[in-house]
mmCIF file of all heavy atoms, coordinates in Angstrom:
data_MODEL
# 
_entry.id   MODEL 
# 
loop_
_atom_site.group_PDB 
_atom_site.id 
_atom_site.type_symbol 
_atom_site.label_atom_id 
_atom_site.label_alt_id 
_atom_site.label_comp_id 
_atom_site.label_asym_id 
_atom_site.label_entity_id 
_atom_site.label_seq_id 
_atom_site.pdbx_PDB_ins_code 
_atom_site.Cartn_x 
_atom_site.Cartn_y 
_atom_site.Cartn_z 
_atom_site.occupancy 
_atom_site.B_iso_or_equiv 
_atom_site.pdbx_formal_charge 
_atom_site.auth_seq_id 
_atom_site.auth_comp_id 
_atom_site.auth_asym_id 
_atom_site.auth_atom_id 
_atom_site.pdbx_PDB_model_num 
ATOM 1   N N   . HIS A 1 1  ? -1.802  11.938  -25.707 1.00 0.00 ? 1  HIS A N   1 
ATOM 2   C CA  . HIS A 1 1  ? -0.568  12.038  -24.910 1.00 0.00 ? 1  HIS A CA  1 
ATOM 3   C C   . HIS A 1 1  ? -0.872  11.915  -23.417 1.00 0.00 ? 1  HIS A C   1 
ATOM 4   O O   . HIS A 1 1  ? -0.099  11.291  -22.678 1.00 0.00 ? 1  HIS A O   1 
ATOM 5   C CB  . HIS A 1 1  ? 0.136   13.355  -25.220 1.00 0.00 ? 1  HIS A CB  1 
ATOM 6   C CG  . HIS A 1 1  ? 0.778   13.394  -26.564 1.00 0.00 ? 1  HIS A CG  1 
ATOM 7   N ND1 . HIS A 1 1  ? 1.939   12.706  -26.854 1.00 0.00 ? 1  HIS A ND1 1 
ATOM 8   C CD2 . HIS A 1 1  ? 0.426   14.023  -27.715 1.00 0.00 ? 1  HIS A CD2 1 
ATOM 9   C CE1 . HIS A 1 1  ? 2.277   12.911  -28.130 1.00 0.00 ? 1  HIS A CE1 1 
ATOM 10  N NE2 . HIS A 1 1  ? 1.373   13.705  -28.664 1.00 0.00 ? 1  HIS A NE2 1 
ATOM 11  N N   . ASN A 1 2  ? -1.981  12.488  -22.963 1.00 0.00 ? 2  ASN A N   1 
ATOM 12  C CA  . ASN A 1 2  ? -2.346  12.371  -21.550 1.00 0.00 ? 2  ASN A CA  1 
ATOM 13  C C   . ASN A 1 2  ? -2.611  10.914  -21.184 1.00 0.00 ? 2  ASN A C   1 
ATOM 14  O O   . ASN A 1 2  ? -2.189  10.438  -20.124 1.00 0.00 ? 2  ASN A O   1 
ATOM 15  C CB  . ASN A 1 2  ? -3.587  13.217  -21.248 1.00 0.00 ? 2  ASN A CB  1 
ATOM 16  C CG  . ASN A 1 2  ? -3.325  14.704  -21.355 1.00 0.00 ? 2  ASN A CG  1 
ATOM 17  O OD1 . ASN A 1 2  ? -2.172  15.145  -21.326 1.00 0.00 ? 2  ASN A OD1 1 
ATOM 18  N ND2 . ASN A 1 2  ? -4.379  15.493  -21.481 1.00 0.00 ? 2  ASN A ND2 1 
ATOM 19  N N   . ALA A 1 3  ? -3.323  10.203  -22.065 1.00 0.00 ? 3  ALA A N   1 
ATOM 20  C CA  . ALA A 1 3  ? -3.615  8.798   -21.806 1.00 0.00 ? 3  ALA A CA  1 
ATOM 21  C C   . ALA A 1 3  ? -2.341  7.962   -21.780 1.00 0.00 ? 3  ALA A C   1 
ATOM 22  O O   . ALA A 1 3  ? -2.164  7.093   -20.913 1.00 0.00 ? 3  ALA A O   1 
ATOM 23  C CB  . ALA A 1 3  ? -4.577  8.265   -22.880 1.00 0.00 ? 3  ALA A CB  1 
ATOM 24  N N   . LEU A 1 4  ? -1.437  8.231   -22.723 1.00 0.00 ? 4  LEU A N   1 
ATOM 25  C CA  . LEU A 1 4  ? -0.183  7.480   -22.774 1.00 0.00 ? 4  LEU A CA  1 
ATOM 26  C C   . LEU A 1 4  ? 0.660   7.744   -21.532 1.00 0.00 ? 4  LEU A C   1 
ATOM 27  O O   . LEU A 1 4  ? 1.281   6.817   -20.989 1.00 0.00 ? 4  LEU A O   1 
ATOM 28  C CB  . LEU A 1 4  ? 0.597   7.846   -24.038 1.00 0.00 ? 4  LEU A CB  1 
ATOM 29  C CG  . LEU A 1 4  ? 1.881   7.050   -24.285 1.00 0.00 ? 4  LEU A CG  1 
ATOM 30  C CD1 . LEU A 1 4  ? 1.588   5.554   -24.383 1.00 0.00 ? 4  LEU A CD1 1 
ATOM 31  C CD2 . LEU A 1 4  ? 2.586   7.537   -25.553 1.00 0.00 ? 4  LEU A CD2 1 
ATOM 32  N N   . ASP A 1 5  ? 0.690   8.982   -21.071 1.00 0.00 ? 5  ASP A N   1 
ATOM 33  C CA  . ASP A 1 5  ? 1.431   9.304   -19.842 1.00 0.00 ? 5  ASP A CA  1 
ATOM 34  C C   . ASP A 1 5  ? 0.877   8.508   -18.663 1.00 0.00 ? 5  ASP A C   1 
ATOM 35  O O   . ASP A 1 5  ? 1.640   7.952   -17.858 1.00 0.00 ? 5  ASP A O   1 
ATOM 36  C CB  . ASP A 1 5  ? 1.339   10.807  -19.547 1.00 0.00 ? 5  ASP A CB  1 
ATOM 37  C CG  . ASP A 1 5  ? 2.156   11.644  -20.516 1.00 0.00 ? 5  ASP A CG  1 
ATOM 38  O OD1 . ASP A 1 5  ? 3.002   11.076  -21.229 1.00 0.00 ? 5  ASP A OD1 1 
ATOM 39  O OD2 . ASP A 1 5  ? 1.932   12.870  -20.573 1.00 0.00 ? 5  ASP A OD2 1 
ATOM 40  N N   . GLN A 1 6  ? -0.443  8.442   -18.559 1.00 0.00 ? 6  GLN A N   1 
ATOM 41  C CA  . GLN A 1 6  ? -1.038  7.670   -17.467 1.00 0.00 ? 6  GLN A CA  1 
ATOM 42  C C   . GLN A 1 6  ? -0.669  6.193   -17.583 1.00 0.00 ? 6  GLN A C   1 
ATOM 43  O O   . GLN A 1 6  ? -0.324  5.546   -16.587 1.00 0.00 ? 6  GLN A O   1 
ATOM 44  C CB  . GLN A 1 6  ? -2.563  7.818   -17.494 1.00 0.00 ? 6  GLN A CB  1 
ATOM 45  C CG  . GLN A 1 6  ? -3.081  9.165   -17.052 1.00 0.00 ? 6  GLN A CG  1 
ATOM 46  C CD  . GLN A 1 6  ? -4.599  9.187   -16.979 1.00 0.00 ? 6  GLN A CD  1 
ATOM 47  O OE1 . GLN A 1 6  ? -5.228  8.214   -16.528 1.00 0.00 ? 6  GLN A OE1 1 
ATOM 48  N NE2 . GLN A 1 6  ? -5.203  10.267  -17.430 1.00 0.00 ? 6  GLN A NE2 1 
ATOM 49  N N   . ALA A 1 7  ? -0.737  5.663   -18.793 1.00 0.00 ? 7  ALA A N   1 
ATOM 50  C CA  . ALA A 1 7  ? -0.461  4.242   -18.994 1.00 0.00 ? 7  ALA A CA  1 
ATOM 51  C C   . ALA A 1 7  ? 0.981   3.885   -18.629 1.00 0.00 ? 7  ALA A C   1 
ATOM 52  O O   . ALA A 1 7  ? 1.230   2.830   -18.040 1.00 0.00 ? 7  ALA A O   1 
ATOM 53  C CB  . ALA A 1 7  ? -0.745  3.855   -20.444 1.00 0.00 ? 7  ALA A CB  1 
ATOM 54  N N   . LEU A 1 8  ? 1.926   4.750   -18.977 1.00 0.00 ? 8  LEU A N   1 
ATOM 55  C CA  . LEU A 1 8  ? 3.342   4.452   -18.743 1.00 0.00 ? 8  LEU A CA  1 
ATOM 56  C C   . LEU A 1 8  ? 3.813   4.838   -17.342 1.00 0.00 ? 8  LEU A C   1 
ATOM 57  O O   . LEU A 1 8  ? 4.730   4.216   -16.805 1.00 0.00 ? 8  LEU A O   1 
ATOM 58  C CB  . LEU A 1 8  ? 4.200   5.161   -19.795 1.00 0.00 ? 8  LEU A CB  1 
ATOM 59  C CG  . LEU A 1 8  ? 4.003   4.674   -21.240 1.00 0.00 ? 8  LEU A CG  1 
ATOM 60  C CD1 . LEU A 1 8  ? 4.942   5.428   -22.184 1.00 0.00 ? 8  LEU A CD1 1 
ATOM 61  C CD2 . LEU A 1 8  ? 4.222   3.172   -21.367 1.00 0.00 ? 8  LEU A CD2 1 
ATOM 62  N N   . LEU A 1 9  ? 3.186   5.844   -16.758 1.00 0.00 ? 9  LEU A N   1 
ATOM 63  C CA  . LEU A 1 9  ? 3.657   6.345   -15.467 1.00 0.00 ? 9  LEU A CA  1 
ATOM 64  C C   . LEU A 1 9  ? 2.854   5.811   -14.284 1.00 0.00 ? 9  LEU A C   1 
ATOM 65  O O   . LEU A 1 9  ? 3.265   5.992   -13.130 1.00 0.00 ? 9  LEU A O   1 
ATOM 66  C CB  . LEU A 1 9  ? 3.625   7.878   -15.455 1.00 0.00 ? 9  LEU A CB  1 
ATOM 67  C CG  . LEU A 1 9  ? 4.487   8.560   -16.528 1.00 0.00 ? 9  LEU A CG  1 
ATOM 68  C CD1 . LEU A 1 9  ? 4.305   10.080  -16.470 1.00 0.00 ? 9  LEU A CD1 1 
ATOM 69  C CD2 . LEU A 1 9  ? 5.955   8.186   -16.363 1.00 0.00 ? 9  LEU A CD2 1 
ATOM 70  N N   . GLN A 1 10 ? 1.722   5.168   -14.552 1.00 0.00 ? 10 GLN A N   1 
ATOM 71  C CA  . GLN A 1 10 ? 0.898   4.623   -13.470 1.00 0.00 ? 10 GLN A CA  1 
ATOM 72  C C   . GLN A 1 10 ? 0.636   3.127   -13.738 1.00 0.00 ? 10 GLN A C   1 
ATOM 73  O O   . GLN A 1 10 ? -0.438  2.744   -14.195 1.00 0.00 ? 10 GLN A O   1 
ATOM 74  C CB  . GLN A 1 10 ? -0.427  5.374   -13.375 1.00 0.00 ? 10 GLN A CB  1 
ATOM 75  C CG  . GLN A 1 10 ? -0.277  6.862   -13.089 1.00 0.00 ? 10 GLN A CG  1 
ATOM 76  C CD  . GLN A 1 10 ? -1.618  7.558   -12.947 1.00 0.00 ? 10 GLN A CD  1 
ATOM 77  O OE1 . GLN A 1 10 ? -2.536  7.071   -12.263 1.00 0.00 ? 10 GLN A OE1 1 
ATOM 78  N NE2 . GLN A 1 10 ? -1.753  8.711   -13.588 1.00 0.00 ? 10 GLN A NE2 1 
ATOM 79  N N   . PRO A 1 11 ? 1.617   2.282   -13.460 1.00 0.00 ? 11 PRO A N   1 
ATOM 80  C CA  . PRO A 1 11 ? 1.492   0.850   -13.766 1.00 0.00 ? 11 PRO A CA  1 
ATOM 81  C C   . PRO A 1 11 ? 0.309   0.167   -13.078 1.00 0.00 ? 11 PRO A C   1 
ATOM 82  O O   . PRO A 1 11 ? -0.277  -0.758  -13.633 1.00 0.00 ? 11 PRO A O   1 
ATOM 83  C CB  . PRO A 1 11 ? 2.828   0.263   -13.301 1.00 0.00 ? 11 PRO A CB  1 
ATOM 84  C CG  . PRO A 1 11 ? 3.407   1.287   -12.375 1.00 0.00 ? 11 PRO A CG  1 
ATOM 85  C CD  . PRO A 1 11 ? 2.930   2.605   -12.864 1.00 0.00 ? 11 PRO A CD  1 
ATOM 86  N N   . GLU A 1 12 ? -0.046  0.612   -11.882 1.00 0.00 ? 12 GLU A N   1 
ATOM 87  C CA  . GLU A 1 12 ? -1.178  -0.005  -11.180 1.00 0.00 ? 12 GLU A CA  1 
ATOM 88  C C   . GLU A 1 12 ? -2.487  0.284   -11.909 1.00 0.00 ? 12 GLU A C   1 
ATOM 89  O O   . GLU A 1 12 ? -3.352  -0.598  -12.042 1.00 0.00 ? 12 GLU A O   1 
ATOM 90  C CB  . GLU A 1 12 ? -1.248  0.502   -9.744  1.00 0.00 ? 12 GLU A CB  1 
ATOM 91  C CG  . GLU A 1 12 ? -0.089  0.020   -8.866  1.00 0.00 ? 12 GLU A CG  1 
ATOM 92  C CD  . GLU A 1 12 ? -0.232  0.476   -7.423  1.00 0.00 ? 12 GLU A CD  1 
ATOM 93  O OE1 . GLU A 1 12 ? -1.227  1.163   -7.110  1.00 0.00 ? 12 GLU A OE1 1 
ATOM 94  O OE2 . GLU A 1 12 ? 0.649   0.133   -6.615  1.00 0.00 ? 12 GLU A OE2 1 
ATOM 95  N N   . LEU A 1 13 ? -2.646  1.517   -12.401 1.00 0.00 ? 13 LEU A N   1 
ATOM 96  C CA  . LEU A 1 13 ? -3.837  1.874   -13.157 1.00 0.00 ? 13 LEU A CA  1 
ATOM 97  C C   . LEU A 1 13 ? -3.880  1.100   -14.469 1.00 0.00 ? 13 LEU A C   1 
ATOM 98  O O   . LEU A 1 13 ? -4.939  0.598   -14.878 1.00 0.00 ? 13 LEU A O   1 
ATOM 99  C CB  . LEU A 1 13 ? -3.857  3.381   -13.437 1.00 0.00 ? 13 LEU A CB  1 
ATOM 100 C CG  . LEU A 1 13 ? -5.066  3.915   -14.209 1.00 0.00 ? 13 LEU A CG  1 
ATOM 101 C CD1 . LEU A 1 13 ? -6.341  3.712   -13.399 1.00 0.00 ? 13 LEU A CD1 1 
ATOM 102 C CD2 . LEU A 1 13 ? -4.877  5.389   -14.565 1.00 0.00 ? 13 LEU A CD2 1 
ATOM 103 N N   . ARG A 1 14 ? -2.721  0.989   -15.119 1.00 0.00 ? 14 ARG A N   1 
ATOM 104 C CA  . ARG A 1 14 ? -2.625  0.240   -16.374 1.00 0.00 ? 14 ARG A CA  1 
ATOM 105 C C   . ARG A 1 14 ? -3.050  -1.220  -16.163 1.00 0.00 ? 14 ARG A C   1 
ATOM 106 O O   . ARG A 1 14 ? -3.823  -1.778  -16.946 1.00 0.00 ? 14 ARG A O   1 
ATOM 107 C CB  . ARG A 1 14 ? -1.195  0.308   -16.896 1.00 0.00 ? 14 ARG A CB  1 
ATOM 108 C CG  . ARG A 1 14 ? -0.979  -0.389  -18.225 1.00 0.00 ? 14 ARG A CG  1 
ATOM 109 C CD  . ARG A 1 14 ? 0.445   -0.197  -18.704 1.00 0.00 ? 14 ARG A CD  1 
ATOM 110 N NE  . ARG A 1 14 ? 1.407   -0.979  -17.933 1.00 0.00 ? 14 ARG A NE  1 
ATOM 111 C CZ  . ARG A 1 14 ? 2.486   -0.487  -17.346 1.00 0.00 ? 14 ARG A CZ  1 
ATOM 112 N NH1 . ARG A 1 14 ? 2.757   0.805   -17.432 1.00 0.00 ? 14 ARG A NH1 1 
ATOM 113 N NH2 . ARG A 1 14 ? 3.316   -1.269  -16.684 1.00 0.00 ? 14 ARG A NH2 1 
ATOM 114 N N   . ALA A 1 15 ? -2.571  -1.828  -15.096 1.00 0.00 ? 15 ALA A N   1 
ATOM 115 C CA  . ALA A 1 15 ? -2.917  -3.218  -14.788 1.00 0.00 ? 15 ALA A CA  1 
ATOM 116 C C   . ALA A 1 15 ? -4.400  -3.358  -14.453 1.00 0.00 ? 15 ALA A C   1 
ATOM 117 O O   . ALA A 1 15 ? -5.041  -4.349  -14.829 1.00 0.00 ? 15 ALA A O   1 
ATOM 118 C CB  . ALA A 1 15 ? -2.064  -3.724  -13.630 1.00 0.00 ? 15 ALA A CB  1 
ATOM 119 N N   . GLN A 1 16 ? -4.948  -2.371  -13.776 1.00 0.00 ? 16 GLN A N   1 
ATOM 120 C CA  . GLN A 1 16 ? -6.368  -2.388  -13.419 1.00 0.00 ? 16 GLN A CA  1 
ATOM 121 C C   . GLN A 1 16 ? -7.245  -2.367  -14.671 1.00 0.00 ? 16 GLN A C   1 
ATOM 122 O O   . GLN A 1 16 ? -8.201  -3.134  -14.786 1.00 0.00 ? 16 GLN A O   1 
ATOM 123 C CB  . GLN A 1 16 ? -6.682  -1.174  -12.545 1.00 0.00 ? 16 GLN A CB  1 
ATOM 124 C CG  . GLN A 1 16 ? -8.144  -1.007  -12.180 1.00 0.00 ? 16 GLN A CG  1 
ATOM 125 C CD  . GLN A 1 16 ? -8.408  0.294   -11.435 1.00 0.00 ? 16 GLN A CD  1 
ATOM 126 O OE1 . GLN A 1 16 ? -7.594  0.745   -10.636 1.00 0.00 ? 16 GLN A OE1 1 
ATOM 127 N NE2 . GLN A 1 16 ? -9.549  0.909   -11.710 1.00 0.00 ? 16 GLN A NE2 1 
ATOM 128 N N   . PHE A 1 17 ? -6.899  -1.493  -15.627 1.00 0.00 ? 17 PHE A N   1 
ATOM 129 C CA  . PHE A 1 17 ? -7.664  -1.415  -16.867 1.00 0.00 ? 17 PHE A CA  1 
ATOM 130 C C   . PHE A 1 17 ? -7.550  -2.709  -17.669 1.00 0.00 ? 17 PHE A C   1 
ATOM 131 O O   . PHE A 1 17 ? -8.534  -3.187  -18.248 1.00 0.00 ? 17 PHE A O   1 
ATOM 132 C CB  . PHE A 1 17 ? -7.168  -0.238  -17.717 1.00 0.00 ? 17 PHE A CB  1 
ATOM 133 C CG  . PHE A 1 17 ? -7.599  1.113   -17.214 1.00 0.00 ? 17 PHE A CG  1 
ATOM 134 C CD1 . PHE A 1 17 ? -8.306  1.255   -16.026 1.00 0.00 ? 17 PHE A CD1 1 
ATOM 135 C CD2 . PHE A 1 17 ? -7.298  2.259   -17.922 1.00 0.00 ? 17 PHE A CD2 1 
ATOM 136 C CE1 . PHE A 1 17 ? -8.704  2.504   -15.556 1.00 0.00 ? 17 PHE A CE1 1 
ATOM 137 C CE2 . PHE A 1 17 ? -7.687  3.515   -17.477 1.00 0.00 ? 17 PHE A CE2 1 
ATOM 138 C CZ  . PHE A 1 17 ? -8.401  3.633   -16.289 1.00 0.00 ? 17 PHE A CZ  1 
ATOM 139 N N   . ALA A 1 18 ? -6.339  -3.259  -17.716 1.00 0.00 ? 18 ALA A N   1 
ATOM 140 C CA  . ALA A 1 18 ? -6.127  -4.502  -18.471 1.00 0.00 ? 18 ALA A CA  1 
ATOM 141 C C   . ALA A 1 18 ? -6.932  -5.653  -17.875 1.00 0.00 ? 18 ALA A C   1 
ATOM 142 O O   . ALA A 1 18 ? -7.529  -6.459  -18.607 1.00 0.00 ? 18 ALA A O   1 
ATOM 143 C CB  . ALA A 1 18 ? -4.640  -4.848  -18.497 1.00 0.00 ? 18 ALA A CB  1 
ATOM 144 N N   . ALA A 1 19 ? -6.973  -5.745  -16.554 1.00 0.00 ? 19 ALA A N   1 
ATOM 145 C CA  . ALA A 1 19 ? -7.720  -6.820  -15.888 1.00 0.00 ? 19 ALA A CA  1 
ATOM 146 C C   . ALA A 1 19 ? -9.220  -6.686  -16.146 1.00 0.00 ? 19 ALA A C   1 
ATOM 147 O O   . ALA A 1 19 ? -9.919  -7.681  -16.380 1.00 0.00 ? 19 ALA A O   1 
ATOM 148 C CB  . ALA A 1 19 ? -7.435  -6.795  -14.389 1.00 0.00 ? 19 ALA A CB  1 
ATOM 149 N N   . ALA A 1 20 ? -9.724  -5.444  -16.126 1.00 0.00 ? 20 ALA A N   1 
ATOM 150 C CA  . ALA A 1 20 ? -11.153 -5.216  -16.387 1.00 0.00 ? 20 ALA A CA  1 
ATOM 151 C C   . ALA A 1 20 ? -11.488 -5.604  -17.825 1.00 0.00 ? 20 ALA A C   1 
ATOM 152 O O   . ALA A 1 20 ? -12.550 -6.186  -18.092 1.00 0.00 ? 20 ALA A O   1 
ATOM 153 C CB  . ALA A 1 20 ? -11.502 -3.752  -16.126 1.00 0.00 ? 20 ALA A CB  1 
ATOM 154 N N   . GLY A 1 21 ? -10.593 -5.288  -18.750 1.00 0.00 ? 21 GLY A N   1 
ATOM 155 C CA  . GLY A 1 21 ? -10.814 -5.642  -20.138 1.00 0.00 ? 21 GLY A CA  1 
ATOM 156 C C   . GLY A 1 21 ? -10.812 -7.145  -20.342 1.00 0.00 ? 21 GLY A C   1 
ATOM 157 O O   . GLY A 1 21 ? -11.653 -7.690  -21.079 1.00 0.00 ? 21 GLY A O   1 
ATOM 158 N N   . LYS A 1 22 ? -9.891  -7.827  -19.708 1.00 0.00 ? 22 LYS A N   1 
ATOM 159 C CA  . LYS A 1 22 ? -9.809  -9.279  -19.853 1.00 0.00 ? 22 LYS A CA  1 
ATOM 160 C C   . LYS A 1 22 ? -11.060 -9.953  -19.296 1.00 0.00 ? 22 LYS A C   1 
ATOM 161 O O   . LYS A 1 22 ? -11.564 -10.936 -19.871 1.00 0.00 ? 22 LYS A O   1 
ATOM 162 C CB  . LYS A 1 22 ? -8.563  -9.814  -19.147 1.00 0.00 ? 22 LYS A CB  1 
ATOM 163 C CG  . LYS A 1 22 ? -8.358  -11.306 -19.348 1.00 0.00 ? 22 LYS A CG  1 
ATOM 164 C CD  . LYS A 1 22 ? -7.008  -11.760 -18.817 1.00 0.00 ? 22 LYS A CD  1 
ATOM 165 C CE  . LYS A 1 22 ? -6.780  -13.232 -19.114 1.00 0.00 ? 22 LYS A CE  1 
ATOM 166 N NZ  . LYS A 1 22 ? -5.443  -13.688 -18.678 1.00 0.00 ? 22 LYS A NZ  1 
ATOM 167 N N   . LYS A 1 23 ? -11.590 -9.427  -18.211 1.00 0.00 ? 23 LYS A N   1 
ATOM 168 C CA  . LYS A 1 23 ? -12.809 -9.987  -17.621 1.00 0.00 ? 23 LYS A CA  1 
ATOM 169 C C   . LYS A 1 23 ? -13.967 -9.881  -18.603 1.00 0.00 ? 23 LYS A C   1 
ATOM 170 O O   . LYS A 1 23 ? -14.745 -10.838 -18.777 1.00 0.00 ? 23 LYS A O   1 
ATOM 171 C CB  . LYS A 1 23 ? -13.133 -9.242  -16.326 1.00 0.00 ? 23 LYS A CB  1 
ATOM 172 C CG  . LYS A 1 23 ? -14.350 -9.794  -15.597 1.00 0.00 ? 23 LYS A CG  1 
ATOM 173 C CD  . LYS A 1 23 ? -14.579 -9.042  -14.287 1.00 0.00 ? 23 LYS A CD  1 
ATOM 174 C CE  . LYS A 1 23 ? -15.803 -9.589  -13.549 1.00 0.00 ? 23 LYS A CE  1 
ATOM 175 N NZ  . LYS A 1 23 ? -16.037 -8.847  -12.278 1.00 0.00 ? 23 LYS A NZ  1 
ATOM 176 N N   . LEU A 1 24 ? -14.081 -8.745  -19.274 1.00 0.00 ? 24 LEU A N   1 
ATOM 177 C CA  . LEU A 1 24 ? -15.139 -8.556  -20.270 1.00 0.00 ? 24 LEU A CA  1 
ATOM 178 C C   . LEU A 1 24 ? -14.951 -9.482  -21.461 1.00 0.00 ? 24 LEU A C   1 
ATOM 179 O O   . LEU A 1 24 ? -15.912 -10.101 -21.939 1.00 0.00 ? 24 LEU A O   1 
ATOM 180 C CB  . LEU A 1 24 ? -15.148 -7.095  -20.737 1.00 0.00 ? 24 LEU A CB  1 
ATOM 181 C CG  . LEU A 1 24 ? -16.118 -6.757  -21.876 1.00 0.00 ? 24 LEU A CG  1 
ATOM 182 C CD1 . LEU A 1 24 ? -17.555 -7.023  -21.453 1.00 0.00 ? 24 LEU A CD1 1 
ATOM 183 C CD2 . LEU A 1 24 ? -15.941 -5.308  -22.313 1.00 0.00 ? 24 LEU A CD2 1 
ATOM 184 N N   . ALA A 1 25 ? -13.716 -9.598  -21.942 1.00 0.00 ? 25 ALA A N   1 
ATOM 185 C CA  . ALA A 1 25 ? -13.438 -10.453 -23.101 1.00 0.00 ? 25 ALA A CA  1 
ATOM 186 C C   . ALA A 1 25 ? -13.799 -11.904 -22.813 1.00 0.00 ? 25 ALA A C   1 
ATOM 187 O O   . ALA A 1 25 ? -14.406 -12.590 -23.651 1.00 0.00 ? 25 ALA A O   1 
ATOM 188 C CB  . ALA A 1 25 ? -11.961 -10.342 -23.491 1.00 0.00 ? 25 ALA A CB  1 
ATOM 189 N N   . ALA A 1 26 ? -13.440 -12.387 -21.625 1.00 0.00 ? 26 ALA A N   1 
ATOM 190 C CA  . ALA A 1 26 ? -13.714 -13.775 -21.263 1.00 0.00 ? 26 ALA A CA  1 
ATOM 191 C C   . ALA A 1 26 ? -15.208 -14.037 -21.099 1.00 0.00 ? 26 ALA A C   1 
ATOM 192 O O   . ALA A 1 26 ? -15.706 -15.116 -21.449 1.00 0.00 ? 26 ALA A O   1 
ATOM 193 C CB  . ALA A 1 26 ? -12.976 -14.129 -19.978 1.00 0.00 ? 26 ALA A CB  1 
# 
């Protein structure tokens, strides 16, 4: 629940994590 709150309430952090993940995948 804490992680989900961060993901939904902090869009900049969510985008930062997604970008880091995409860089690793590529």
